[in-house]
Amino acid sequence: MITVEWELKRFDELTLDELYDSLRLRVNVFVVEQKCPYPELDGIDRSSLHLLGREGGRLLAYLRLFRRPGEENTAQLGRVVTAVRGKGYGAELLRRGIAAAAEVLRCDEIIIEAQTYAVGFYAREGFTVCSDEFPEDGIPHVRMRLKIKDRNLSK
């Protein structure tokens, strides 16, 4: 049984190896695997919290979390990615990201911009679609919302 060690860190708390590993995983999946050239380094990382799931030093799961500018008490999750699929790491990552939005950022709701094919993954954790489909870097997306107060965080 793999034991994943989870850490939530501010940008200035990330080690160089953690920063490198997270950027490498993000680029490998979103740019290389999905064949989507886009500006990965978008300036948001510095003001984000970074959730990392590691096992034996290997980064298995990552997301970033930040307050949405101009939207009081609203967080945004992004760059939700796992190195291994089908093992439950993504669901655990998402649950921990939701908990961090509630407990650390003290937000009442979370917004995500989900790739359309992943809507079911986010819906299982209580997110609902709140926009029409739109293209983001050539990939169909929808905006989804989760009201944290309506969610049982002990899941």
N, C-alpha and C. Protein backbone atom coordinates (compact mmCIF):
# COMPACT_ATOMS: atom_id res chain seq x y z
N MET A 1 0.85 -1.19 0.00
CA MET A 1 0.00 0.00 0.00
C MET A 1 0.88 1.24 0.00
N ILE A 2 0.62 2.13 -0.93
CA ILE A 2 1.38 3.38 -1.02
C ILE A 2 0.85 4.37 0.00
N THR A 3 1.76 4.97 0.74
CA THR A 3 1.39 6.00 1.69
C THR A 3 1.80 7.35 1.10
N VAL A 4 0.83 8.17 0.81
CA VAL A 4 1.09 9.47 0.22
C VAL A 4 1.24 10.49 1.35
N GLU A 5 2.28 11.27 1.28
CA GLU A 5 2.49 12.36 2.23
C GLU A 5 2.01 13.64 1.55
N TRP A 6 1.09 14.34 2.21
CA TRP A 6 0.49 15.55 1.65
C TRP A 6 1.05 16.77 2.35
N GLU A 7 1.37 17.79 1.56
CA GLU A 7 1.84 19.06 2.12
C GLU A 7 1.19 20.21 1.39
N LEU A 8 0.79 21.22 2.14
CA LEU A 8 0.25 22.46 1.59
C LEU A 8 1.26 23.55 1.91
N LYS A 9 1.74 24.22 0.86
CA LYS A 9 2.79 25.21 1.04
C LYS A 9 2.51 26.48 0.26
N ARG A 10 2.98 27.60 0.83
CA ARG A 10 3.02 28.85 0.08
C ARG A 10 4.16 28.74 -0.93
N PHE A 11 4.13 29.59 -1.94
CA PHE A 11 5.16 29.57 -2.98
C PHE A 11 6.55 29.70 -2.37
N ASP A 12 6.71 30.63 -1.41
CA ASP A 12 8.05 30.85 -0.84
C ASP A 12 8.49 29.73 0.10
N GLU A 13 7.62 28.77 0.38
CA GLU A 13 7.98 27.61 1.20
C GLU A 13 8.40 26.41 0.35
N LEU A 14 8.12 26.46 -0.94
CA LEU A 14 8.49 25.34 -1.81
C LEU A 14 10.01 25.26 -1.94
N THR A 15 10.53 24.04 -1.86
CA THR A 15 11.95 23.86 -2.15
C THR A 15 12.14 23.96 -3.66
N LEU A 16 13.37 24.11 -4.09
CA LEU A 16 13.62 24.14 -5.53
C LEU A 16 13.20 22.83 -6.18
N ASP A 17 13.43 21.71 -5.51
CA ASP A 17 13.02 20.42 -6.07
C ASP A 17 11.50 20.31 -6.16
N GLU A 18 10.78 20.79 -5.16
CA GLU A 18 9.31 20.75 -5.20
C GLU A 18 8.77 21.62 -6.32
N LEU A 19 9.34 22.81 -6.48
CA LEU A 19 8.92 23.69 -7.56
C LEU A 19 9.20 23.04 -8.91
N TYR A 20 10.40 22.52 -9.08
CA TYR A 20 10.77 21.86 -10.33
C TYR A 20 9.85 20.69 -10.63
N ASP A 21 9.64 19.81 -9.63
CA ASP A 21 8.80 18.63 -9.83
C ASP A 21 7.36 19.00 -10.18
N SER A 22 6.83 20.03 -9.53
CA SER A 22 5.45 20.43 -9.82
C SER A 22 5.33 21.02 -11.22
N LEU A 23 6.27 21.86 -11.60
CA LEU A 23 6.23 22.43 -12.95
C LEU A 23 6.44 21.34 -14.01
N ARG A 24 7.32 20.41 -13.71
CA ARG A 24 7.58 19.32 -14.65
C ARG A 24 6.32 18.48 -14.85
N LEU A 25 5.64 18.12 -13.76
CA LEU A 25 4.41 17.33 -13.87
C LEU A 25 3.34 18.10 -14.65
N ARG A 26 3.17 19.36 -14.33
CA ARG A 26 2.18 20.17 -15.03
C ARG A 26 2.47 20.24 -16.52
N VAL A 27 3.71 20.51 -16.89
CA VAL A 27 4.08 20.61 -18.31
C VAL A 27 3.94 19.25 -18.99
N ASN A 28 4.39 18.18 -18.34
CA ASN A 28 4.30 16.85 -18.94
C ASN A 28 2.86 16.48 -19.27
N VAL A 29 1.93 16.81 -18.40
CA VAL A 29 0.53 16.44 -18.64
C VAL A 29 -0.17 17.46 -19.52
N PHE A 30 -0.17 18.73 -19.12
CA PHE A 30 -0.98 19.72 -19.81
C PHE A 30 -0.40 20.17 -21.15
N VAL A 31 0.90 20.25 -21.28
CA VAL A 31 1.51 20.72 -22.52
C VAL A 31 1.88 19.55 -23.44
N VAL A 32 2.62 18.57 -22.89
CA VAL A 32 3.12 17.48 -23.73
C VAL A 32 2.03 16.44 -24.00
N GLU A 33 1.48 15.83 -22.95
CA GLU A 33 0.49 14.76 -23.13
C GLU A 33 -0.76 15.25 -23.84
N GLN A 34 -1.26 16.43 -23.44
CA GLN A 34 -2.48 16.95 -24.05
C GLN A 34 -2.21 17.78 -25.30
N LYS A 35 -0.94 17.88 -25.67
CA LYS A 35 -0.54 18.60 -26.89
C LYS A 35 -1.15 20.00 -26.94
N CYS A 36 -0.96 20.73 -25.85
CA CYS A 36 -1.58 22.05 -25.71
C CYS A 36 -0.53 23.08 -25.30
N PRO A 37 0.10 23.71 -26.27
CA PRO A 37 1.06 24.75 -25.90
C PRO A 37 0.32 25.97 -25.35
N TYR A 38 0.65 26.35 -24.14
CA TYR A 38 0.03 27.49 -23.49
C TYR A 38 1.01 28.05 -22.47
N PRO A 39 0.79 29.28 -22.01
CA PRO A 39 1.72 29.88 -21.04
C PRO A 39 1.53 29.29 -19.64
N GLU A 40 2.24 28.22 -19.35
CA GLU A 40 2.13 27.54 -18.06
C GLU A 40 2.52 28.46 -16.90
N LEU A 41 3.53 29.25 -17.08
CA LEU A 41 3.97 30.18 -16.03
C LEU A 41 3.20 31.48 -16.21
N ASP A 42 2.04 31.55 -15.52
CA ASP A 42 1.09 32.63 -15.74
C ASP A 42 1.08 33.71 -14.66
N GLY A 43 2.03 33.64 -13.72
CA GLY A 43 2.11 34.65 -12.68
C GLY A 43 1.25 34.38 -11.46
N ILE A 44 0.43 33.33 -11.48
CA ILE A 44 -0.47 33.04 -10.37
C ILE A 44 0.20 32.21 -9.28
N ASP A 45 1.22 31.46 -9.63
CA ASP A 45 1.87 30.57 -8.65
C ASP A 45 2.37 31.30 -7.41
N ARG A 46 2.89 32.49 -7.57
CA ARG A 46 3.46 33.22 -6.43
C ARG A 46 2.43 33.56 -5.37
N SER A 47 1.17 33.73 -5.76
CA SER A 47 0.12 34.08 -4.79
C SER A 47 -0.76 32.88 -4.45
N SER A 48 -0.32 31.69 -4.80
CA SER A 48 -1.11 30.48 -4.58
C SER A 48 -0.56 29.66 -3.42
N LEU A 49 -1.43 28.80 -2.92
CA LEU A 49 -1.01 27.70 -2.06
C LEU A 49 -0.84 26.50 -2.98
N HIS A 50 0.13 25.66 -2.65
CA HIS A 50 0.45 24.52 -3.50
C HIS A 50 0.28 23.25 -2.68
N LEU A 51 -0.58 22.35 -3.16
CA LEU A 51 -0.81 21.09 -2.49
C LEU A 51 -0.07 20.00 -3.25
N LEU A 52 0.83 19.34 -2.55
CA LEU A 52 1.65 18.30 -3.16
C LEU A 52 1.44 16.98 -2.45
N GLY A 53 1.25 15.93 -3.22
CA GLY A 53 1.16 14.58 -2.68
C GLY A 53 2.34 13.77 -3.18
N ARG A 54 3.18 13.32 -2.24
CA ARG A 54 4.40 12.60 -2.60
C ARG A 54 4.41 11.23 -1.94
N GLU A 55 5.07 10.31 -2.62
CA GLU A 55 5.32 8.99 -2.06
C GLU A 55 6.77 8.65 -2.36
N GLY A 56 7.53 8.42 -1.31
CA GLY A 56 8.94 8.10 -1.51
C GLY A 56 9.70 9.16 -2.29
N GLY A 57 9.32 10.41 -2.13
CA GLY A 57 9.99 11.49 -2.83
C GLY A 57 9.43 11.79 -4.21
N ARG A 58 8.61 10.91 -4.76
CA ARG A 58 8.03 11.11 -6.09
C ARG A 58 6.74 11.89 -5.99
N LEU A 59 6.61 12.94 -6.79
CA LEU A 59 5.39 13.74 -6.81
C LEU A 59 4.31 12.97 -7.58
N LEU A 60 3.23 12.63 -6.87
CA LEU A 60 2.12 11.89 -7.47
C LEU A 60 0.93 12.77 -7.81
N ALA A 61 0.75 13.87 -7.05
CA ALA A 61 -0.44 14.70 -7.23
C ALA A 61 -0.12 16.14 -6.86
N TYR A 62 -0.78 17.06 -7.56
CA TYR A 62 -0.51 18.48 -7.35
C TYR A 62 -1.74 19.30 -7.72
N LEU A 63 -1.96 20.37 -6.99
CA LEU A 63 -2.88 21.42 -7.40
C LEU A 63 -2.46 22.72 -6.76
N ARG A 64 -2.95 23.80 -7.33
CA ARG A 64 -2.73 25.10 -6.71
C ARG A 64 -4.08 25.70 -6.35
N LEU A 65 -4.06 26.56 -5.35
CA LEU A 65 -5.27 27.10 -4.76
C LEU A 65 -5.01 28.57 -4.45
N PHE A 66 -5.95 29.42 -4.84
CA PHE A 66 -5.78 30.86 -4.58
C PHE A 66 -7.14 31.53 -4.47
N ARG A 67 -7.13 32.70 -3.87
CA ARG A 67 -8.36 33.51 -3.80
C ARG A 67 -8.61 34.13 -5.17
N ARG A 68 -9.86 34.08 -5.60
CA ARG A 68 -10.20 34.71 -6.89
C ARG A 68 -10.22 36.22 -6.72
N PRO A 69 -9.46 36.91 -7.53
CA PRO A 69 -9.43 38.38 -7.43
C PRO A 69 -10.82 38.98 -7.62
N GLY A 70 -11.19 39.87 -6.73
CA GLY A 70 -12.46 40.58 -6.84
C GLY A 70 -13.68 39.79 -6.40
N GLU A 71 -13.49 38.57 -5.92
CA GLU A 71 -14.62 37.75 -5.48
C GLU A 71 -14.39 37.35 -4.03
N GLU A 72 -14.98 38.11 -3.14
CA GLU A 72 -14.80 37.88 -1.71
C GLU A 72 -15.23 36.47 -1.31
N ASN A 73 -14.44 35.83 -0.51
CA ASN A 73 -14.72 34.49 0.03
C ASN A 73 -14.81 33.41 -1.04
N THR A 74 -14.17 33.61 -2.19
CA THR A 74 -14.18 32.61 -3.25
C THR A 74 -12.75 32.22 -3.60
N ALA A 75 -12.51 30.92 -3.62
CA ALA A 75 -11.21 30.38 -4.00
C ALA A 75 -11.30 29.76 -5.38
N GLN A 76 -10.15 29.54 -5.97
CA GLN A 76 -10.09 28.82 -7.24
C GLN A 76 -9.04 27.74 -7.12
N LEU A 77 -9.39 26.55 -7.58
CA LEU A 77 -8.45 25.45 -7.69
C LEU A 77 -8.03 25.36 -9.14
N GLY A 78 -6.78 25.05 -9.36
CA GLY A 78 -6.31 24.91 -10.72
C GLY A 78 -5.10 24.00 -10.80
N ARG A 79 -4.73 23.67 -12.02
CA ARG A 79 -3.60 22.81 -12.29
C ARG A 79 -3.72 21.49 -11.52
N VAL A 80 -4.94 20.98 -11.46
CA VAL A 80 -5.21 19.72 -10.76
C VAL A 80 -4.65 18.59 -11.62
N VAL A 81 -3.64 17.87 -11.10
CA VAL A 81 -2.96 16.89 -11.93
C VAL A 81 -2.38 15.76 -11.08
N THR A 82 -2.40 14.57 -11.66
CA THR A 82 -1.77 13.43 -11.01
C THR A 82 -0.80 12.76 -11.99
N ALA A 83 0.23 12.15 -11.44
CA ALA A 83 1.21 11.44 -12.26
C ALA A 83 0.73 10.04 -12.60
N VAL A 84 -0.14 9.49 -11.76
CA VAL A 84 -0.67 8.15 -11.93
C VAL A 84 -2.19 8.25 -11.87
N ARG A 85 -2.86 7.63 -12.81
CA ARG A 85 -4.32 7.70 -12.83
C ARG A 85 -4.94 6.37 -12.42
N GLY A 86 -6.17 6.44 -11.93
CA GLY A 86 -6.89 5.24 -11.59
C GLY A 86 -6.57 4.66 -10.23
N LYS A 87 -5.84 5.39 -9.40
CA LYS A 87 -5.47 4.90 -8.07
C LYS A 87 -6.12 5.70 -6.95
N GLY A 88 -6.96 6.69 -7.31
CA GLY A 88 -7.65 7.48 -6.29
C GLY A 88 -6.89 8.71 -5.82
N TYR A 89 -5.72 8.96 -6.38
CA TYR A 89 -4.93 10.12 -5.96
C TYR A 89 -5.63 11.42 -6.32
N GLY A 90 -6.28 11.46 -7.47
CA GLY A 90 -6.97 12.67 -7.90
C GLY A 90 -8.12 13.04 -6.98
N ALA A 91 -8.90 12.05 -6.58
CA ALA A 91 -10.03 12.32 -5.68
C ALA A 91 -9.53 12.80 -4.33
N GLU A 92 -8.49 12.18 -3.81
CA GLU A 92 -7.94 12.61 -2.52
C GLU A 92 -7.34 14.01 -2.63
N LEU A 93 -6.66 14.29 -3.73
CA LEU A 93 -6.10 15.61 -3.98
C LEU A 93 -7.21 16.66 -3.97
N LEU A 94 -8.29 16.38 -4.67
CA LEU A 94 -9.40 17.32 -4.76
C LEU A 94 -10.05 17.54 -3.39
N ARG A 95 -10.28 16.46 -2.65
CA ARG A 95 -10.86 16.60 -1.31
C ARG A 95 -9.96 17.44 -0.40
N ARG A 96 -8.67 17.24 -0.47
CA ARG A 96 -7.75 18.02 0.35
C ARG A 96 -7.70 19.49 -0.11
N GLY A 97 -7.82 19.73 -1.41
CA GLY A 97 -7.88 21.10 -1.91
C GLY A 97 -9.12 21.83 -1.44
N ILE A 98 -10.25 21.13 -1.43
CA ILE A 98 -11.50 21.71 -0.94
C ILE A 98 -11.36 22.04 0.54
N ALA A 99 -10.80 21.12 1.31
CA ALA A 99 -10.62 21.35 2.74
C ALA A 99 -9.70 22.54 2.99
N ALA A 100 -8.65 22.69 2.20
CA ALA A 100 -7.73 23.82 2.36
C ALA A 100 -8.43 25.14 2.03
N ALA A 101 -9.29 25.15 1.03
CA ALA A 101 -10.04 26.37 0.70
C ALA A 101 -10.91 26.78 1.87
N ALA A 102 -11.52 25.80 2.52
CA ALA A 102 -12.41 26.08 3.66
C ALA A 102 -11.63 26.46 4.91
N GLU A 103 -10.63 25.66 5.24
CA GLU A 103 -9.95 25.79 6.53
C GLU A 103 -8.82 26.82 6.53
N VAL A 104 -8.08 26.89 5.45
CA VAL A 104 -6.92 27.79 5.40
C VAL A 104 -7.30 29.15 4.82
N LEU A 105 -7.98 29.15 3.67
CA LEU A 105 -8.37 30.41 3.04
C LEU A 105 -9.69 30.95 3.58
N ARG A 106 -10.42 30.12 4.32
CA ARG A 106 -11.71 30.52 4.91
C ARG A 106 -12.69 31.02 3.85
N CYS A 107 -12.74 30.31 2.73
CA CYS A 107 -13.64 30.67 1.63
C CYS A 107 -14.95 29.91 1.75
N ASP A 108 -15.99 30.50 1.19
CA ASP A 108 -17.32 29.89 1.20
C ASP A 108 -17.62 29.10 -0.06
N GLU A 109 -16.90 29.41 -1.13
CA GLU A 109 -17.13 28.68 -2.37
C GLU A 109 -15.85 28.57 -3.16
N ILE A 110 -15.86 27.60 -4.09
CA ILE A 110 -14.69 27.34 -4.94
C ILE A 110 -15.17 27.33 -6.39
N ILE A 111 -14.35 27.92 -7.24
CA ILE A 111 -14.58 27.91 -8.68
C ILE A 111 -13.44 27.11 -9.31
N ILE A 112 -13.78 26.32 -10.31
CA ILE A 112 -12.76 25.68 -11.13
C ILE A 112 -13.13 25.88 -12.58
N GLU A 113 -12.15 25.84 -13.43
CA GLU A 113 -12.38 25.84 -14.87
C GLU A 113 -11.93 24.47 -15.34
N ALA A 114 -12.90 23.58 -15.49
CA ALA A 114 -12.62 22.17 -15.74
C ALA A 114 -12.64 21.84 -17.22
N GLN A 115 -11.70 20.99 -17.63
CA GLN A 115 -11.79 20.46 -18.97
C GLN A 115 -13.10 19.66 -19.03
N THR A 116 -13.83 19.83 -20.11
CA THR A 116 -15.17 19.26 -20.20
C THR A 116 -15.19 17.76 -19.96
N TYR A 117 -14.18 17.04 -20.43
CA TYR A 117 -14.17 15.59 -20.23
C TYR A 117 -14.08 15.21 -18.75
N ALA A 118 -13.63 16.13 -17.88
CA ALA A 118 -13.44 15.84 -16.46
C ALA A 118 -14.61 16.29 -15.58
N VAL A 119 -15.70 16.74 -16.17
CA VAL A 119 -16.83 17.24 -15.39
C VAL A 119 -17.32 16.20 -14.38
N GLY A 120 -17.41 14.96 -14.77
CA GLY A 120 -17.88 13.91 -13.87
C GLY A 120 -16.98 13.74 -12.65
N PHE A 121 -15.68 13.85 -12.85
CA PHE A 121 -14.72 13.76 -11.74
C PHE A 121 -15.01 14.83 -10.70
N TYR A 122 -15.19 16.07 -11.12
CA TYR A 122 -15.46 17.17 -10.20
C TYR A 122 -16.89 17.08 -9.62
N ALA A 123 -17.83 16.62 -10.42
CA ALA A 123 -19.21 16.51 -9.94
C ALA A 123 -19.31 15.50 -8.79
N ARG A 124 -18.49 14.46 -8.80
CA ARG A 124 -18.51 13.47 -7.71
C ARG A 124 -18.16 14.11 -6.37
N GLU A 125 -17.45 15.23 -6.40
CA GLU A 125 -17.09 15.92 -5.16
C GLU A 125 -18.02 17.10 -4.87
N GLY A 126 -19.09 17.24 -5.67
CA GLY A 126 -20.10 18.25 -5.39
C GLY A 126 -20.07 19.49 -6.25
N PHE A 127 -19.15 19.60 -7.18
CA PHE A 127 -19.11 20.75 -8.08
C PHE A 127 -20.24 20.66 -9.09
N THR A 128 -20.81 21.82 -9.45
CA THR A 128 -21.85 21.87 -10.47
C THR A 128 -21.43 22.85 -11.57
N VAL A 129 -21.81 22.54 -12.78
CA VAL A 129 -21.49 23.39 -13.93
C VAL A 129 -22.26 24.69 -13.80
N CYS A 130 -21.56 25.81 -14.03
CA CYS A 130 -22.21 27.13 -13.91
C CYS A 130 -21.90 28.02 -15.11
N SER A 131 -21.50 27.42 -16.23
CA SER A 131 -21.26 28.22 -17.44
C SER A 131 -21.50 27.35 -18.66
N ASP A 132 -21.59 28.01 -19.79
CA ASP A 132 -21.58 27.30 -21.04
C ASP A 132 -20.15 26.84 -21.31
N GLU A 133 -20.01 25.91 -22.22
CA GLU A 133 -18.68 25.45 -22.61
C GLU A 133 -17.94 26.59 -23.29
N PHE A 134 -16.64 26.69 -23.02
CA PHE A 134 -15.80 27.70 -23.66
C PHE A 134 -14.44 27.10 -23.95
N PRO A 135 -13.77 27.60 -24.99
CA PRO A 135 -12.43 27.09 -25.29
C PRO A 135 -11.38 27.79 -24.41
N GLU A 136 -10.49 27.02 -23.85
CA GLU A 136 -9.35 27.55 -23.10
C GLU A 136 -8.12 26.87 -23.66
N ASP A 137 -7.27 27.65 -24.33
CA ASP A 137 -6.07 27.10 -24.95
C ASP A 137 -6.40 25.95 -25.91
N GLY A 138 -7.54 26.07 -26.61
CA GLY A 138 -7.91 25.08 -27.60
C GLY A 138 -8.59 23.84 -27.05
N ILE A 139 -8.87 23.80 -25.74
CA ILE A 139 -9.51 22.64 -25.11
C ILE A 139 -10.85 23.09 -24.52
N PRO A 140 -11.94 22.35 -24.78
CA PRO A 140 -13.25 22.73 -24.22
C PRO A 140 -13.24 22.66 -22.68
N HIS A 141 -13.73 23.72 -22.06
CA HIS A 141 -13.81 23.83 -20.60
C HIS A 141 -15.21 24.30 -20.21
N VAL A 142 -15.53 24.12 -18.94
CA VAL A 142 -16.70 24.74 -18.32
C VAL A 142 -16.28 25.24 -16.95
N ARG A 143 -16.95 26.26 -16.49
CA ARG A 143 -16.73 26.73 -15.13
C ARG A 143 -17.63 25.92 -14.22
N MET A 144 -17.10 25.52 -13.07
CA MET A 144 -17.87 24.76 -12.09
C MET A 144 -17.72 25.43 -10.74
N ARG A 145 -18.74 25.25 -9.90
CA ARG A 145 -18.79 25.92 -8.60
C ARG A 145 -19.14 24.91 -7.51
N LEU A 146 -18.56 25.12 -6.35
CA LEU A 146 -18.89 24.32 -5.17
C LEU A 146 -19.13 25.26 -4.01
N LYS A 147 -20.31 25.18 -3.42
CA LYS A 147 -20.62 25.93 -2.20
C LYS A 147 -20.10 25.09 -1.03
N ILE A 148 -19.06 25.56 -0.38
CA ILE A 148 -18.42 24.76 0.67
C ILE A 148 -19.35 24.48 1.83
N LYS A 149 -20.18 25.42 2.20
CA LYS A 149 -21.07 25.22 3.35
C LYS A 149 -22.05 24.07 3.11
N ASP A 150 -22.32 23.76 1.84
CA ASP A 150 -23.25 22.68 1.51
C ASP A 150 -22.55 21.32 1.43
N ARG A 151 -21.25 21.32 1.63
CA ARG A 151 -20.45 20.10 1.47
C ARG A 151 -20.04 19.56 2.83
N ASN A 152 -20.10 18.28 2.98
CA ASN A 152 -19.65 17.61 4.19
C ASN A 152 -18.14 17.39 4.07
N LEU A 153 -17.33 18.17 4.79
CA LEU A 153 -15.88 18.08 4.68
C LEU A 153 -15.30 16.84 5.36
N SER A 154 -16.09 16.08 6.02
CA SER A 154 -15.57 14.87 6.66
C SER A 154 -15.59 13.66 5.71
N LYS A 155 -15.94 13.90 4.46
CA LYS A 155 -16.03 12.84 3.46
C LYS A 155 -14.77 12.02 3.36
